[in-house]
Amino acid sequence: MKVSLENIIQQILPLPQDVLKEVVLEFQHLEYPKNYFLLKPGKICQHLWFMTNGAVRSFYTNEQGKELNTWFSLDAQIITDTTSFVKQEPALESIQLLEDSELYAIERSSIVNLLQKHHIFTLWYIKLVEVHYIPQTEDRMADLQFLDAKQRYNKLLDLYPCITNRISLGHISSYLNITPETLSRIRAGKL
């Protein structure tokens, strides 16, 4: 289901209409094909993307050349490399589209200007960090530490019920930190 940019913004923290209009004008509408890279390692992340339709993965490549998925986003979600975006340091991960996707992008410099201009936008930005980034990071670390493979898979299905129809099982097993064979056994009910 496609969600409007205004709805994504307002779900974080409702902004007055005049501020909302100003914020929306700072976003650029984008459509990219499957496999397009929003960000590659070594580049500094300068954007916050609001995806209205599509699928994306964040991943890094280890020393052996193996790609390891760290996050998925489907449809109405907010995407960035938080560390690179905030610290303005080169990214360690890639952000790649897994489907043809529609997004809205806002540049970091626009966010900084809006933060300086509107107190309510500062509150909005704090809420964005509180709701989207801190819980995601803490949940991901806790899942890997405290949940077994089957629990991690079931939690992923709860979050994204249709994920196996949209993202390859190889990507999913990498994200869950298990082998494709273990994922097959879990899906077959053998674990």
C-alpha atoms as a PDB file:
ATOM      1  CA  MET A   1       0.000   0.000   0.000  1.00  0.00           C
ATOM      2  CA  LYS A   2       1.431   3.322  -1.066  1.00  0.00           C
ATOM      3  CA  VAL A   3       1.640   5.990   1.624  1.00  0.00           C
ATOM      4  CA  SER A   4       2.015   9.717   0.973  1.00  0.00           C
ATOM      5  CA  LEU A   5       5.064  11.683   2.054  1.00  0.00           C
ATOM      6  CA  GLU A   6       2.847  13.917   4.194  1.00  0.00           C
ATOM      7  CA  ASN A   7       1.436  10.892   6.039  1.00  0.00           C
ATOM      8  CA  ILE A   8       4.921   9.521   6.777  1.00  0.00           C
ATOM      9  CA  ILE A   9       6.014  12.893   8.144  1.00  0.00           C
ATOM     10  CA  GLN A  10       2.866  13.429  10.203  1.00  0.00           C
ATOM     11  CA  GLN A  11       2.974   9.923  11.720  1.00  0.00           C
ATOM     12  CA  ILE A  12       6.269  10.790  13.403  1.00  0.00           C
ATOM     13  CA  LEU A  13       4.977  13.989  15.027  1.00  0.00           C
ATOM     14  CA  PRO A  14       2.210  16.161  13.583  1.00  0.00           C
ATOM     15  CA  LEU A  15       3.546  19.440  12.224  1.00  0.00           C
ATOM     16  CA  PRO A  16       1.501  22.605  11.702  1.00  0.00           C
ATOM     17  CA  GLN A  17       0.363  22.905   8.078  1.00  0.00           C
ATOM     18  CA  ASP A  18       2.670  25.843   7.279  1.00  0.00           C
ATOM     19  CA  VAL A  19       5.732  23.978   8.581  1.00  0.00           C
ATOM     20  CA  LEU A  20       4.619  20.739   6.889  1.00  0.00           C
ATOM     21  CA  LYS A  21       4.351  22.527   3.533  1.00  0.00           C
ATOM     22  CA  GLU A  22       7.846  23.963   3.957  1.00  0.00           C
ATOM     23  CA  VAL A  23       9.277  20.559   4.916  1.00  0.00           C
ATOM     24  CA  VAL A  24       7.598  18.788   1.993  1.00  0.00           C
ATOM     25  CA  LEU A  25       9.097  21.326  -0.447  1.00  0.00           C
ATOM     26  CA  GLU A  26      12.588  20.242   0.681  1.00  0.00           C
ATOM     27  CA  PHE A  27      12.031  16.658  -0.506  1.00  0.00           C
ATOM     28  CA  GLN A  28      12.836  15.413  -3.977  1.00  0.00           C
ATOM     29  CA  HIS A  29      10.677  12.668  -5.508  1.00  0.00           C
ATOM     30  CA  LEU A  30      12.750   9.749  -6.843  1.00  0.00           C
ATOM     31  CA  GLU A  31      12.055   6.486  -8.638  1.00  0.00           C
ATOM     32  CA  TYR A  32      14.881   3.974  -8.990  1.00  0.00           C
ATOM     33  CA  PRO A  33      15.093   0.459 -10.428  1.00  0.00           C
ATOM     34  CA  LYS A  34      15.831  -2.746  -8.596  1.00  0.00           C
ATOM     35  CA  ASN A  35      19.532  -3.106  -7.643  1.00  0.00           C
ATOM     36  CA  TYR A  36      20.149   0.667  -7.573  1.00  0.00           C
ATOM     37  CA  PHE A  37      22.517   1.752  -4.778  1.00  0.00           C
ATOM     38  CA  LEU A  38      21.401   4.673  -2.629  1.00  0.00           C
ATOM     39  CA  LEU A  39      24.739   4.533  -0.818  1.00  0.00           C
ATOM     40  CA  LYS A  40      28.038   2.716  -1.212  1.00  0.00           C
ATOM     41  CA  PRO A  41      30.856   2.234   1.314  1.00  0.00           C
ATOM     42  CA  GLY A  42      33.279   5.124   1.522  1.00  0.00           C
ATOM     43  CA  LYS A  43      30.664   7.723   0.574  1.00  0.00           C
ATOM     44  CA  ILE A  44      29.239  10.099   3.168  1.00  0.00           C
ATOM     45  CA  CYS A  45      25.481   9.759   3.552  1.00  0.00           C
ATOM     46  CA  GLN A  46      23.890  13.114   2.741  1.00  0.00           C
ATOM     47  CA  HIS A  47      20.242  12.025   2.555  1.00  0.00           C
ATOM     48  CA  LEU A  48      17.342  10.776   4.549  1.00  0.00           C
ATOM     49  CA  TRP A  49      15.036   8.757   2.275  1.00  0.00           C
ATOM     50  CA  PHE A  50      11.349   8.192   2.893  1.00  0.00           C
ATOM     51  CA  MET A  51      10.348   5.157   0.867  1.00  0.00           C
ATOM     52  CA  THR A  52       6.701   5.069  -0.150  1.00  0.00           C
ATOM     53  CA  ASN A  53       6.899   1.864  -2.160  1.00  0.00           C
ATOM     54  CA  GLY A  54       9.652  -0.721  -2.569  1.00  0.00           C
ATOM     55  CA  ALA A  55      12.225  -2.795  -0.735  1.00  0.00           C
ATOM     56  CA  VAL A  56      15.779  -2.055   0.355  1.00  0.00           C
ATOM     57  CA  ARG A  57      18.594  -3.753   2.199  1.00  0.00           C
ATOM     58  CA  SER A  58      21.586  -2.479   4.127  1.00  0.00           C
ATOM     59  CA  PHE A  59      24.650  -4.698   3.987  1.00  0.00           C
ATOM     60  CA  TYR A  60      28.396  -4.815   4.270  1.00  0.00           C
ATOM     61  CA  THR A  61      30.961  -7.034   2.622  1.00  0.00           C
ATOM     62  CA  ASN A  62      33.306  -8.902   4.969  1.00  0.00           C
ATOM     63  CA  GLU A  63      37.017  -9.545   4.390  1.00  0.00           C
ATOM     64  CA  GLN A  64      36.204 -12.812   2.587  1.00  0.00           C
ATOM     65  CA  GLY A  65      33.974 -10.940   0.112  1.00  0.00           C
ATOM     66  CA  LYS A  66      30.698 -12.242   1.550  1.00  0.00           C
ATOM     67  CA  GLU A  67      27.761  -9.845   1.719  1.00  0.00           C
ATOM     68  CA  LEU A  68      26.095  -9.711   5.146  1.00  0.00           C
ATOM     69  CA  ASN A  69      22.676  -8.076   5.421  1.00  0.00           C
ATOM     70  CA  THR A  70      22.070  -5.887   8.442  1.00  0.00           C
ATOM     71  CA  TRP A  71      18.643  -4.423   7.756  1.00  0.00           C
ATOM     72  CA  PHE A  72      15.612  -4.534   5.453  1.00  0.00           C
ATOM     73  CA  SER A  73      13.031  -1.851   4.846  1.00  0.00           C
ATOM     74  CA  LEU A  74       9.786  -2.457   3.003  1.00  0.00           C
ATOM     75  CA  ASP A  75       7.369   0.149   1.712  1.00  0.00           C
ATOM     76  CA  ALA A  76       6.546   3.101   3.981  1.00  0.00           C
ATOM     77  CA  GLN A  77       9.810   3.357   5.881  1.00  0.00           C
ATOM     78  CA  ILE A  78      12.617   5.805   6.514  1.00  0.00           C
ATOM     79  CA  ILE A  79      16.091   4.905   5.320  1.00  0.00           C
ATOM     80  CA  THR A  80      19.567   6.266   5.974  1.00  0.00           C
ATOM     81  CA  ASP A  81      22.974   5.205   7.211  1.00  0.00           C
ATOM     82  CA  THR A  82      22.535   6.765  10.630  1.00  0.00           C
ATOM     83  CA  THR A  83      26.202   6.841  11.654  1.00  0.00           C
ATOM     84  CA  SER A  84      27.402   8.276   8.350  1.00  0.00           C
ATOM     85  CA  PHE A  85      24.509  10.747   8.196  1.00  0.00           C
ATOM     86  CA  VAL A  86      24.922  12.071  11.746  1.00  0.00           C
ATOM     87  CA  LYS A  87      28.723  12.030  12.012  1.00  0.00           C
ATOM     88  CA  GLN A  88      29.351  12.897   8.354  1.00  0.00           C
ATOM     89  CA  GLU A  89      31.838  10.049   8.105  1.00  0.00           C
ATOM     90  CA  PRO A  90      32.264   7.619   5.198  1.00  0.00           C
ATOM     91  CA  ALA A  91      29.694   4.825   5.252  1.00  0.00           C
ATOM     92  CA  LEU A  92      30.770   1.266   6.023  1.00  0.00           C
ATOM     93  CA  GLU A  93      27.644  -0.284   4.518  1.00  0.00           C
ATOM     94  CA  SER A  94      25.785  -0.223   1.221  1.00  0.00           C
ATOM     95  CA  ILE A  95      22.115   0.578   0.836  1.00  0.00           C
ATOM     96  CA  GLN A  96      20.655  -1.212  -2.188  1.00  0.00           C
ATOM     97  CA  LEU A  97      17.131  -1.386  -3.598  1.00  0.00           C
ATOM     98  CA  LEU A  98      15.747  -4.912  -3.924  1.00  0.00           C
ATOM     99  CA  GLU A  99      12.721  -3.829  -5.952  1.00  0.00           C
ATOM    100  CA  ASP A 100      11.820  -0.943  -8.214  1.00  0.00           C
ATOM    101  CA  SER A 101      11.171   1.721  -5.585  1.00  0.00           C
ATOM    102  CA  GLU A 102       9.628   5.122  -5.102  1.00  0.00           C
ATOM    103  CA  LEU A 103      11.235   7.414  -2.557  1.00  0.00           C
ATOM    104  CA  TYR A 104      11.453  10.972  -1.354  1.00  0.00           C
ATOM    105  CA  ALA A 105      14.873  12.307  -0.374  1.00  0.00           C
ATOM    106  CA  ILE A 106      15.806  15.246   1.796  1.00  0.00           C
ATOM    107  CA  GLU A 107      19.370  16.485   2.012  1.00  0.00           C
ATOM    108  CA  ARG A 108      21.122  16.773   5.343  1.00  0.00           C
ATOM    109  CA  SER A 109      21.728  20.494   4.762  1.00  0.00           C
ATOM    110  CA  SER A 110      17.967  21.032   4.371  1.00  0.00           C
ATOM    111  CA  ILE A 111      17.334  19.201   7.630  1.00  0.00           C
ATOM    112  CA  VAL A 112      19.917  21.360   9.412  1.00  0.00           C
ATOM    113  CA  ASN A 113      18.247  24.524   8.055  1.00  0.00           C
ATOM    114  CA  LEU A 114      14.795  23.337   9.133  1.00  0.00           C
ATOM    115  CA  LEU A 115      16.125  22.439  12.596  1.00  0.00           C
ATOM    116  CA  GLN A 116      17.493  25.949  13.003  1.00  0.00           C
ATOM    117  CA  LYS A 117      14.316  27.580  11.725  1.00  0.00           C
ATOM    118  CA  HIS A 118      11.494  25.619  13.416  1.00  0.00           C
ATOM    119  CA  HIS A 119      11.435  24.434  17.018  1.00  0.00           C
ATOM    120  CA  ILE A 120       8.602  22.025  16.180  1.00  0.00           C
ATOM    121  CA  PHE A 121      10.761  20.462  13.463  1.00  0.00           C
ATOM    122  CA  THR A 122      13.502  19.942  16.068  1.00  0.00           C
ATOM    123  CA  LEU A 123      10.973  18.077  18.205  1.00  0.00           C
ATOM    124  CA  TRP A 124       9.933  16.100  15.108  1.00  0.00           C
ATOM    125  CA  TYR A 125      13.560  15.134  14.431  1.00  0.00           C
ATOM    126  CA  ILE A 126      14.100  14.018  18.042  1.00  0.00           C
ATOM    127  CA  LYS A 127      10.947  11.890  17.791  1.00  0.00           C
ATOM    128  CA  LEU A 128      12.226  10.384  14.524  1.00  0.00           C
ATOM    129  CA  VAL A 129      15.423   9.284  16.261  1.00  0.00           C
ATOM    130  CA  GLU A 130      13.548   8.007  19.324  1.00  0.00           C
ATOM    131  CA  VAL A 131      10.955   6.051  17.362  1.00  0.00           C
ATOM    132  CA  HIS A 132      12.920   4.775  14.385  1.00  0.00           C
ATOM    133  CA  TYR A 133      16.621   4.511  15.052  1.00  0.00           C
ATOM    134  CA  ILE A 134      17.224   3.802  18.711  1.00  0.00           C
ATOM    135  CA  PRO A 135      14.645   0.981  19.002  1.00  0.00           C
ATOM    136  CA  GLN A 136      15.713  -0.608  15.690  1.00  0.00           C
ATOM    137  CA  THR A 137      19.346  -0.713  16.725  1.00  0.00           C
ATOM    138  CA  GLU A 138      18.656  -2.000  20.223  1.00  0.00           C
ATOM    139  CA  ASP A 139      16.146  -4.598  18.973  1.00  0.00           C
ATOM    140  CA  ARG A 140      18.592  -5.863  16.367  1.00  0.00           C
ATOM    141  CA  MET A 141      21.382  -6.310  18.933  1.00  0.00           C
ATOM    142  CA  ALA A 142      19.054  -7.982  21.448  1.00  0.00           C
ATOM    143  CA  ASP A 143      17.638 -10.330  18.793  1.00  0.00           C
ATOM    144  CA  LEU A 144      21.098 -11.561  17.817  1.00  0.00           C
ATOM    145  CA  GLN A 145      22.097 -12.030  21.464  1.00  0.00           C
ATOM    146  CA  PHE A 146      18.983 -13.527  22.996  1.00  0.00           C
ATOM    147  CA  LEU A 147      16.825 -15.140  20.312  1.00  0.00           C
ATOM    148  CA  ASP A 148      17.506 -18.427  18.572  1.00  0.00           C
ATOM    149  CA  ALA A 149      17.302 -18.714  14.784  1.00  0.00           C
ATOM    150  CA  LYS A 150      13.644 -19.771  14.730  1.00  0.00           C
ATOM    151  CA  GLN A 151      12.636 -16.916  17.044  1.00  0.00           C
ATOM    152  CA  ARG A 152      14.516 -14.407  14.882  1.00  0.00           C
ATOM    153  CA  TYR A 153      12.788 -15.731  11.756  1.00  0.00           C
ATOM    154  CA  ASN A 154       9.335 -15.591  13.361  1.00  0.00           C
ATOM    155  CA  LYS A 155       9.980 -12.042  14.587  1.00  0.00           C
ATOM    156  CA  LEU A 156      10.991 -11.018  11.059  1.00  0.00           C
ATOM    157  CA  LEU A 157       7.764 -12.554   9.698  1.00  0.00           C
ATOM    158  CA  ASP A 158       5.753 -10.665  12.324  1.00  0.00           C
ATOM    159  CA  LEU A 159       7.401  -7.427  11.210  1.00  0.00           C
ATOM    160  CA  TYR A 160       7.134  -8.177   7.470  1.00  0.00           C
ATOM    161  CA  PRO A 161       4.560 -10.941   6.815  1.00  0.00           C
ATOM    162  CA  CYS A 162       5.197 -10.937   3.039  1.00  0.00           C
ATOM    163  CA  ILE A 163       8.997 -10.710   3.193  1.00  0.00           C
ATOM    164  CA  THR A 164       9.608 -14.189   1.727  1.00  0.00           C
ATOM    165  CA  ASN A 165       7.654 -13.140  -1.387  1.00  0.00           C
ATOM    166  CA  ARG A 166       9.774 -10.037  -1.882  1.00  0.00           C
ATOM    167  CA  ILE A 167      13.285 -10.744  -0.619  1.00  0.00           C
ATOM    168  CA  SER A 168      15.445 -13.739  -1.487  1.00  0.00           C
ATOM    169  CA  LEU A 169      15.923 -16.454   1.102  1.00  0.00           C
ATOM    170  CA  GLY A 170      19.683 -15.965   0.756  1.00  0.00           C
ATOM    171  CA  HIS A 171      19.340 -12.344   1.868  1.00  0.00           C
ATOM    172  CA  ILE A 172      16.996 -13.361   4.681  1.00  0.00           C
ATOM    173  CA  SER A 173      19.335 -16.081   5.997  1.00  0.00           C
ATOM    174  CA  SER A 174      22.230 -13.603   5.934  1.00  0.00           C
ATOM    175  CA  TYR A 175      20.185 -11.092   7.924  1.00  0.00           C
ATOM    176  CA  LEU A 176      19.217 -13.756  10.463  1.00  0.00           C
ATOM    177  CA  ASN A 177      22.875 -14.780  10.756  1.00  0.00           C
ATOM    178  CA  ILE A 178      22.117 -18.380   9.779  1.00  0.00           C
ATOM    179  CA  THR A 179      22.911 -20.610   6.817  1.00  0.00           C
ATOM    180  CA  PRO A 180      20.395 -21.031   3.979  1.00  0.00           C
ATOM    181  CA  GLU A 181      20.113 -24.694   5.020  1.00  0.00           C
ATOM    182  CA  THR A 182      19.103 -23.733   8.571  1.00  0.00           C
ATOM    183  CA  LEU A 183      16.515 -21.329   7.161  1.00  0.00           C
ATOM    184  CA  SER A 184      15.120 -24.123   4.975  1.00  0.00           C
ATOM    185  CA  ARG A 185      14.788 -26.395   8.021  1.00  0.00           C
ATOM    186  CA  ILE A 186      13.035 -23.648   9.981  1.00  0.00           C
ATOM    187  CA  ARG A 187      10.612 -23.001   7.106  1.00  0.00           C
ATOM    188  CA  ALA A 188       9.932 -26.732   6.770  1.00  0.00           C
ATOM    189  CA  GLY A 189       9.140 -26.970  10.490  1.00  0.00           C
ATOM    190  CA  LYS A 190      12.134 -29.207  11.195  1.00  0.00           C
ATOM    191  CA  LEU A 191      13.649 -26.833  13.772  1.00  0.00           C
END
